[in-house]
Amino acid sequence: MISKFLSKLKSILFKSSVSPETPLKKEKKAVKSLKTSKTKTKTKAVNSKKNIESLTTLPGVGAKSAKALYEAGYKTTKAVIAADEKDLLAVSGVGINLVKKLKNLK
């Protein structure tokens, strides 16, 4: 008898605050957002690989220095060419000879 009373009380109390459809809708939204976040991270990974590969087209820039430049914030070849010599030298893996080669491109 007490269990029936408690179950009715729960149904009355929780009926107004949470509808039975709400958890399903939240779950569907969570699944959708999870799918979109996965595609966004895949897209970012593909874009970063493409940008790093494009940096290797610069003379004297190999895979390691391209990755270091990309991680330092130089996403495009134009950004690398336009950067100050001091800023480029601050990037680990970039030496004075590479900076000289890049400045000859201007």
Protein backbone atom coordinates (compact mmCIF):
# COMPACT_ATOMS: atom_id res chain seq x y z
CA MET A 1 0.00 0.00 0.00
CA ILE A 2 2.84 2.40 0.79
CA SER A 3 4.60 1.55 -2.46
CA LYS A 4 1.45 2.39 -4.46
CA PHE A 5 1.19 5.67 -2.61
CA LEU A 6 4.85 6.49 -3.29
CA SER A 7 4.57 5.64 -6.97
CA LYS A 8 1.48 7.84 -7.35
CA LEU A 9 3.21 10.63 -5.47
CA LYS A 10 6.27 10.37 -7.74
CA SER A 11 4.12 10.43 -10.85
CA ILE A 12 2.26 13.50 -9.62
CA LEU A 13 5.40 15.35 -8.54
CA PHE A 14 7.51 14.60 -11.56
CA LYS A 15 4.79 14.79 -14.20
CA SER A 16 4.71 18.57 -14.22
CA SER A 17 8.46 19.20 -14.21
CA VAL A 18 9.68 16.58 -16.68
CA SER A 19 7.68 15.12 -19.50
CA PRO A 20 8.47 11.58 -20.70
CA GLU A 21 9.47 12.91 -24.15
CA THR A 22 12.15 15.26 -22.84
CA PRO A 23 14.89 12.68 -22.12
CA LEU A 24 14.53 11.21 -25.59
CA LYS A 25 14.78 14.61 -27.22
CA LYS A 26 17.85 15.44 -25.16
CA GLU A 27 19.41 12.11 -26.09
CA LYS A 28 18.76 12.71 -29.80
CA LYS A 29 20.28 16.18 -29.57
CA ALA A 30 23.32 14.76 -27.79
CA VAL A 31 23.79 12.17 -30.53
CA LYS A 32 23.47 14.84 -33.23
CA SER A 33 25.96 17.14 -31.53
CA LEU A 34 28.36 14.23 -31.08
CA LYS A 35 28.15 13.43 -34.79
CA THR A 36 28.75 17.04 -35.81
CA SER A 37 31.68 17.43 -33.44
CA LYS A 38 33.31 14.32 -34.91
CA THR A 39 32.98 15.67 -38.42
CA LYS A 40 34.33 19.05 -37.32
CA THR A 41 37.42 17.47 -35.78
CA LYS A 42 37.97 15.37 -38.89
CA THR A 43 37.67 18.49 -41.03
CA LYS A 44 40.11 20.37 -38.81
CA ALA A 45 42.58 17.50 -38.98
CA VAL A 46 42.34 17.38 -42.77
CA ASN A 47 42.71 21.16 -43.02
CA SER A 48 45.75 21.19 -40.75
CA LYS A 49 47.42 18.46 -42.80
CA LYS A 50 46.74 20.39 -46.00
CA ASN A 51 48.10 23.60 -44.49
CA ILE A 52 51.24 21.86 -43.25
CA GLU A 53 51.76 20.32 -46.69
CA SER A 54 51.35 23.72 -48.32
CA LEU A 55 54.03 25.15 -46.01
CA THR A 56 56.48 22.54 -47.25
CA THR A 57 56.31 24.16 -50.70
CA LEU A 58 58.39 27.03 -49.34
CA PRO A 59 62.12 26.68 -50.07
CA GLY A 60 64.03 25.17 -47.17
CA VAL A 61 60.90 24.19 -45.25
CA GLY A 62 60.61 20.50 -44.51
CA ALA A 63 57.97 18.52 -42.70
CA LYS A 64 59.30 19.27 -39.20
CA SER A 65 59.76 22.98 -39.70
CA ALA A 66 56.37 23.21 -41.46
CA LYS A 67 54.69 21.58 -38.48
CA ALA A 68 56.54 23.89 -36.10
CA LEU A 69 55.48 26.94 -38.11
CA TYR A 70 51.89 25.74 -38.22
CA GLU A 71 51.80 25.16 -34.48
CA ALA A 72 53.31 28.62 -33.94
CA GLY A 73 50.34 30.15 -35.73
CA TYR A 74 51.60 30.53 -39.29
CA LYS A 75 48.83 28.72 -41.15
CA THR A 76 49.58 29.88 -44.70
CA THR A 77 52.63 30.48 -46.83
CA LYS A 78 51.69 34.16 -47.07
CA ALA A 79 51.72 34.44 -43.28
CA VAL A 80 55.19 32.92 -43.12
CA ILE A 81 56.56 35.21 -45.82
CA ALA A 82 55.01 38.30 -44.21
CA ALA A 83 56.30 37.48 -40.70
CA ASP A 84 59.19 39.34 -39.05
CA GLU A 85 62.55 37.65 -38.89
CA LYS A 86 62.57 37.81 -35.08
CA ASP A 87 59.18 36.14 -34.87
CA LEU A 88 60.26 33.33 -37.18
CA LEU A 89 63.47 32.78 -35.23
CA ALA A 90 61.42 32.39 -32.07
CA VAL A 91 59.82 29.25 -33.54
CA SER A 92 61.68 26.12 -32.50
CA GLY A 93 63.11 24.30 -35.49
CA VAL A 94 63.53 27.44 -37.56
CA GLY A 95 67.07 28.70 -38.00
CA ILE A 96 68.73 31.74 -39.46
CA ASN A 97 69.39 30.07 -42.80
CA LEU A 98 65.73 29.23 -43.26
CA VAL A 99 64.73 32.77 -42.36
CA LYS A 100 67.18 34.15 -44.93
CA LYS A 101 65.70 31.87 -47.62
CA LEU A 102 62.18 32.98 -46.74
CA LYS A 103 63.10 36.67 -46.76
CA ASN A 104 64.52 36.31 -50.27
CA LEU A 105 60.97 35.45 -51.40
CA LYS A 106 59.66 38.94 -50.60
